[in-house]
Structures are given as C-alpha cells and as structure tokens.
C-alpha cells in the first residue's frame, strides 16, 4: 500500500483514498464540540467551509423528514441512528 499524505488534525476516512489535488475530508475532531451519538453514526457528514469552520450534516435527513439536516450538538437521541460498520 502506498504512503498517503495526511493533513494535521485530520484522520483518514475508511474506504476513501487520498486523491492528489483533492482536499481531505474533515474528521469529527474538526468539530468545535463532541457530536454525541453522531460520532458513531454512518449518516454523519463533517464538512468544512472555505474559512475553516467545521459543521456536521445528517445525510439521512435528505430523505427522512423526522430528522434535521444540521442537528444541534451534542446529539443525545436520534430516531435515524445507524451504527457505522466496524472494519
């Protein structure tokens, strides 16, 4: 396996290889507070603005009307929670 460059403060995302010229996906560590249940949910997506602010978006909220797109953190209960696959 080839060595991958990592950005300080960002961990590798399983299943996503580093692509030259493409920015790394921000990790949960980039969030200003612990995300609660979202830390272990497969639908949690961490995004970062061009100014460096990180935020969490719920991917499942796109089709599940019970959920909010940008949940208030930390999340302590969620009807759409689905654990990440353990690899």
N, C-alpha and C. Protein backbone atom coordinates (compact mmCIF):
# COMPACT_ATOMS: atom_id res chain seq x y z
N UNK A 1 0.85 -1.18 0.00
CA UNK A 1 0.00 0.00 0.00
C UNK A 1 0.89 1.24 0.00
N UNK A 2 0.56 2.19 -0.81
CA UNK A 2 1.35 3.42 -0.92
C UNK A 2 1.11 4.32 0.28
N UNK A 3 2.15 5.08 0.63
CA UNK A 3 2.00 6.05 1.72
C UNK A 3 1.06 7.15 1.30
N UNK A 4 0.18 7.56 2.22
CA UNK A 4 -0.76 8.64 1.94
C UNK A 4 -0.39 9.83 2.79
N UNK A 5 -0.44 11.01 2.19
CA UNK A 5 -0.21 12.22 2.96
C UNK A 5 -1.47 12.53 3.75
N UNK A 6 -1.30 12.93 5.00
CA UNK A 6 -2.45 13.31 5.81
C UNK A 6 -2.29 14.75 6.23
N UNK A 7 -3.40 15.41 6.40
CA UNK A 7 -3.41 16.78 6.86
C UNK A 7 -3.41 16.75 8.38
N UNK A 8 -2.56 17.53 9.04
CA UNK A 8 -2.54 17.54 10.50
C UNK A 8 -3.92 17.81 11.08
N UNK A 9 -4.32 16.98 12.07
CA UNK A 9 -5.62 17.15 12.70
C UNK A 9 -6.75 16.45 11.98
N UNK A 10 -6.44 15.76 10.88
CA UNK A 10 -7.47 15.05 10.15
C UNK A 10 -7.06 13.59 10.04
N UNK A 11 -8.01 12.71 10.34
CA UNK A 11 -7.71 11.29 10.25
C UNK A 11 -8.25 10.75 8.93
N UNK A 12 -7.72 9.63 8.50
CA UNK A 12 -8.17 9.02 7.26
C UNK A 12 -9.58 8.48 7.43
N UNK A 13 -10.38 8.56 6.39
CA UNK A 13 -11.74 8.03 6.40
C UNK A 13 -11.70 6.67 5.74
N UNK A 14 -12.16 5.61 6.45
CA UNK A 14 -12.14 4.28 5.86
C UNK A 14 -12.86 4.25 4.52
N UNK A 15 -12.24 3.61 3.54
CA UNK A 15 -12.86 3.49 2.22
C UNK A 15 -12.60 4.66 1.30
N UNK A 16 -11.96 5.70 1.80
CA UNK A 16 -11.66 6.86 0.96
C UNK A 16 -10.16 7.03 0.87
N UNK A 17 -9.65 6.90 -0.31
CA UNK A 17 -8.22 7.05 -0.56
C UNK A 17 -7.93 8.52 -0.84
N UNK A 18 -6.73 8.94 -0.47
CA UNK A 18 -6.32 10.32 -0.76
C UNK A 18 -6.12 10.46 -2.27
N UNK A 19 -6.63 11.54 -2.82
CA UNK A 19 -6.50 11.82 -4.24
C UNK A 19 -5.66 13.09 -4.38
N UNK A 20 -4.55 13.00 -5.14
CA UNK A 20 -3.72 14.20 -5.30
C UNK A 20 -4.54 15.37 -5.83
N UNK A 21 -4.38 16.54 -5.22
CA UNK A 21 -5.09 17.74 -5.65
C UNK A 21 -6.47 17.87 -5.06
N UNK A 22 -6.94 16.87 -4.31
CA UNK A 22 -8.28 16.92 -3.71
C UNK A 22 -8.12 17.08 -2.20
N UNK A 23 -8.93 17.95 -1.60
CA UNK A 23 -8.84 18.19 -0.17
C UNK A 23 -9.30 16.97 0.60
N UNK A 24 -8.68 16.76 1.78
CA UNK A 24 -9.06 15.66 2.64
C UNK A 24 -10.42 15.94 3.27
N UNK A 25 -11.15 14.89 3.60
CA UNK A 25 -12.45 15.03 4.26
C UNK A 25 -12.20 15.36 5.72
N UNK A 26 -12.83 16.43 6.25
CA UNK A 26 -12.62 16.78 7.66
C UNK A 26 -13.11 15.66 8.58
N UNK A 27 -12.45 15.46 9.69
CA UNK A 27 -12.85 14.43 10.64
C UNK A 27 -13.73 15.03 11.73
N UNK A 28 -14.27 14.15 12.57
CA UNK A 28 -15.09 14.61 13.69
C UNK A 28 -14.28 15.48 14.64
N UNK A 29 -12.97 15.30 14.66
CA UNK A 29 -12.12 16.11 15.54
C UNK A 29 -12.13 17.58 15.13
N UNK A 30 -12.53 17.88 13.90
CA UNK A 30 -12.57 19.27 13.43
C UNK A 30 -13.77 20.04 14.00
N UNK A 31 -14.74 19.34 14.56
CA UNK A 31 -15.93 20.00 15.11
C UNK A 31 -15.58 20.70 16.42
N UNK A 32 -16.23 21.82 16.71
CA UNK A 32 -15.93 22.58 17.93
C UNK A 32 -16.39 21.89 19.21
N UNK A 33 -17.37 20.99 19.13
CA UNK A 33 -17.85 20.23 20.29
C UNK A 33 -18.02 18.77 19.88
N UNK A 34 -18.06 17.87 20.87
CA UNK A 34 -18.27 16.45 20.58
C UNK A 34 -19.67 16.28 20.00
N UNK A 35 -19.83 15.50 18.92
CA UNK A 35 -21.13 15.38 18.28
C UNK A 35 -22.11 14.43 18.96
N UNK A 36 -21.72 13.78 20.04
CA UNK A 36 -22.63 12.85 20.71
C UNK A 36 -22.83 11.59 19.89
N UNK A 37 -24.07 11.17 19.73
CA UNK A 37 -24.39 9.94 19.00
C UNK A 37 -23.89 9.97 17.57
N UNK A 38 -23.83 11.13 16.97
CA UNK A 38 -23.41 11.25 15.56
C UNK A 38 -21.99 10.72 15.35
N UNK A 39 -21.18 10.69 16.39
CA UNK A 39 -19.80 10.21 16.26
C UNK A 39 -19.76 8.77 15.78
N UNK A 40 -20.79 7.99 16.09
CA UNK A 40 -20.82 6.60 15.69
C UNK A 40 -21.86 6.28 14.63
N UNK A 41 -22.41 7.32 13.99
CA UNK A 41 -23.49 7.11 13.01
C UNK A 41 -22.96 7.16 11.57
N UNK A 42 -23.44 6.24 10.75
CA UNK A 42 -23.00 6.19 9.35
C UNK A 42 -23.53 7.35 8.52
N UNK A 43 -24.54 8.06 8.99
CA UNK A 43 -25.13 9.16 8.23
C UNK A 43 -24.49 10.52 8.51
N UNK A 44 -23.61 10.59 9.51
CA UNK A 44 -22.97 11.86 9.89
C UNK A 44 -21.93 12.25 8.85
N UNK A 45 -22.03 13.48 8.37
CA UNK A 45 -21.10 14.01 7.38
C UNK A 45 -20.49 15.29 7.93
N UNK A 46 -19.18 15.33 8.03
CA UNK A 46 -18.50 16.53 8.51
C UNK A 46 -18.03 17.31 7.30
N UNK A 47 -18.38 18.57 7.25
CA UNK A 47 -18.00 19.46 6.15
C UNK A 47 -17.28 20.67 6.73
N UNK A 48 -16.50 21.32 5.90
CA UNK A 48 -15.76 22.49 6.35
C UNK A 48 -15.94 23.62 5.34
N UNK A 49 -16.15 24.84 5.84
CA UNK A 49 -16.29 26.00 4.96
C UNK A 49 -14.91 26.42 4.47
N UNK A 50 -14.88 27.31 3.49
CA UNK A 50 -13.60 27.81 2.99
C UNK A 50 -12.84 28.60 4.05
N UNK A 51 -13.54 29.04 5.09
CA UNK A 51 -12.89 29.77 6.19
C UNK A 51 -12.40 28.85 7.30
N UNK A 52 -12.67 27.55 7.16
CA UNK A 52 -12.18 26.59 8.14
C UNK A 52 -13.15 26.18 9.22
N UNK A 53 -14.38 26.68 9.19
CA UNK A 53 -15.38 26.30 10.18
C UNK A 53 -15.93 24.92 9.81
N UNK A 54 -15.91 24.00 10.75
CA UNK A 54 -16.45 22.65 10.52
C UNK A 54 -17.86 22.55 11.06
N UNK A 55 -18.70 21.80 10.37
CA UNK A 55 -20.07 21.57 10.81
C UNK A 55 -20.48 20.16 10.45
N UNK A 56 -21.49 19.65 11.14
CA UNK A 56 -21.97 18.30 10.90
C UNK A 56 -23.32 18.36 10.20
N UNK A 57 -23.46 17.55 9.16
CA UNK A 57 -24.73 17.44 8.43
C UNK A 57 -25.20 16.01 8.49
N UNK A 58 -26.49 15.82 8.69
CA UNK A 58 -27.07 14.48 8.70
C UNK A 58 -27.47 14.11 7.28
N UNK A 59 -26.80 13.13 6.71
CA UNK A 59 -27.10 12.68 5.35
C UNK A 59 -28.47 12.04 5.24
N UNK A 60 -28.92 11.40 6.31
CA UNK A 60 -30.22 10.73 6.28
C UNK A 60 -31.37 11.74 6.25
N UNK A 61 -31.14 12.95 6.70
CA UNK A 61 -32.20 13.98 6.71
C UNK A 61 -32.68 14.31 5.31
N UNK A 62 -31.90 13.96 4.29
CA UNK A 62 -32.31 14.23 2.90
C UNK A 62 -33.57 13.46 2.51
N UNK A 63 -33.79 12.30 3.12
CA UNK A 63 -34.98 11.51 2.78
C UNK A 63 -35.85 11.15 4.00
N UNK A 64 -35.37 11.44 5.20
CA UNK A 64 -36.13 11.12 6.41
C UNK A 64 -36.59 12.43 7.06
N UNK A 65 -37.87 12.75 6.90
CA UNK A 65 -38.42 14.02 7.38
C UNK A 65 -38.39 14.18 8.89
N UNK A 66 -38.18 13.09 9.64
CA UNK A 66 -38.13 13.17 11.10
C UNK A 66 -36.85 13.85 11.59
N UNK A 67 -35.84 13.92 10.74
CA UNK A 67 -34.52 14.39 11.16
C UNK A 67 -34.24 15.80 10.64
N UNK A 68 -33.38 16.51 11.37
CA UNK A 68 -32.96 17.84 10.93
C UNK A 68 -31.64 17.72 10.18
N UNK A 69 -31.46 18.56 9.18
CA UNK A 69 -30.27 18.49 8.34
C UNK A 69 -29.00 18.84 9.11
N UNK A 70 -29.08 19.86 9.95
CA UNK A 70 -27.94 20.30 10.75
C UNK A 70 -28.32 20.20 12.22
N UNK A 71 -28.10 19.03 12.86
CA UNK A 71 -28.54 18.85 14.25
C UNK A 71 -27.72 19.68 15.24
N UNK A 72 -28.37 20.06 16.30
CA UNK A 72 -27.69 20.78 17.39
C UNK A 72 -26.84 19.75 18.15
N UNK A 73 -25.59 20.09 18.36
CA UNK A 73 -24.66 19.17 19.01
C UNK A 73 -24.51 19.49 20.48
N UNK A 74 -24.31 18.49 21.31
CA UNK A 74 -24.22 17.06 21.04
C UNK A 74 -25.60 16.43 20.90
N UNK A 75 -25.71 15.46 20.02
CA UNK A 75 -26.96 14.73 19.82
C UNK A 75 -27.03 13.63 20.87
N UNK A 76 -28.13 13.63 21.65
CA UNK A 76 -28.28 12.62 22.71
C UNK A 76 -29.32 11.56 22.39
N UNK A 77 -30.18 11.81 21.40
CA UNK A 77 -31.12 10.80 20.94
C UNK A 77 -31.45 11.08 19.47
N UNK A 78 -31.65 9.99 18.70
CA UNK A 78 -31.91 10.15 17.27
C UNK A 78 -32.65 8.92 16.75
N UNK A 79 -33.80 9.15 16.11
CA UNK A 79 -34.59 8.05 15.56
C UNK A 79 -33.94 7.45 14.32
N UNK A 80 -33.04 8.17 13.68
CA UNK A 80 -32.42 7.68 12.46
C UNK A 80 -31.02 7.12 12.65
N UNK A 81 -30.57 6.98 13.90
CA UNK A 81 -29.21 6.50 14.16
C UNK A 81 -28.98 5.12 13.55
N UNK A 82 -27.87 4.99 12.84
CA UNK A 82 -27.44 3.70 12.28
C UNK A 82 -25.93 3.60 12.51
N UNK A 83 -25.51 2.59 13.28
CA UNK A 83 -24.07 2.48 13.60
C UNK A 83 -23.21 2.30 12.35
N UNK A 84 -22.00 2.87 12.42
CA UNK A 84 -21.03 2.67 11.33
C UNK A 84 -20.61 1.21 11.32
N UNK A 85 -20.28 0.70 10.14
CA UNK A 85 -19.77 -0.67 10.04
C UNK A 85 -18.41 -0.74 10.70
N UNK A 86 -18.22 -1.75 11.50
CA UNK A 86 -16.92 -1.95 12.15
C UNK A 86 -16.05 -2.75 11.20
N UNK A 87 -14.90 -2.20 10.83
CA UNK A 87 -13.99 -2.89 9.90
C UNK A 87 -12.72 -3.25 10.56
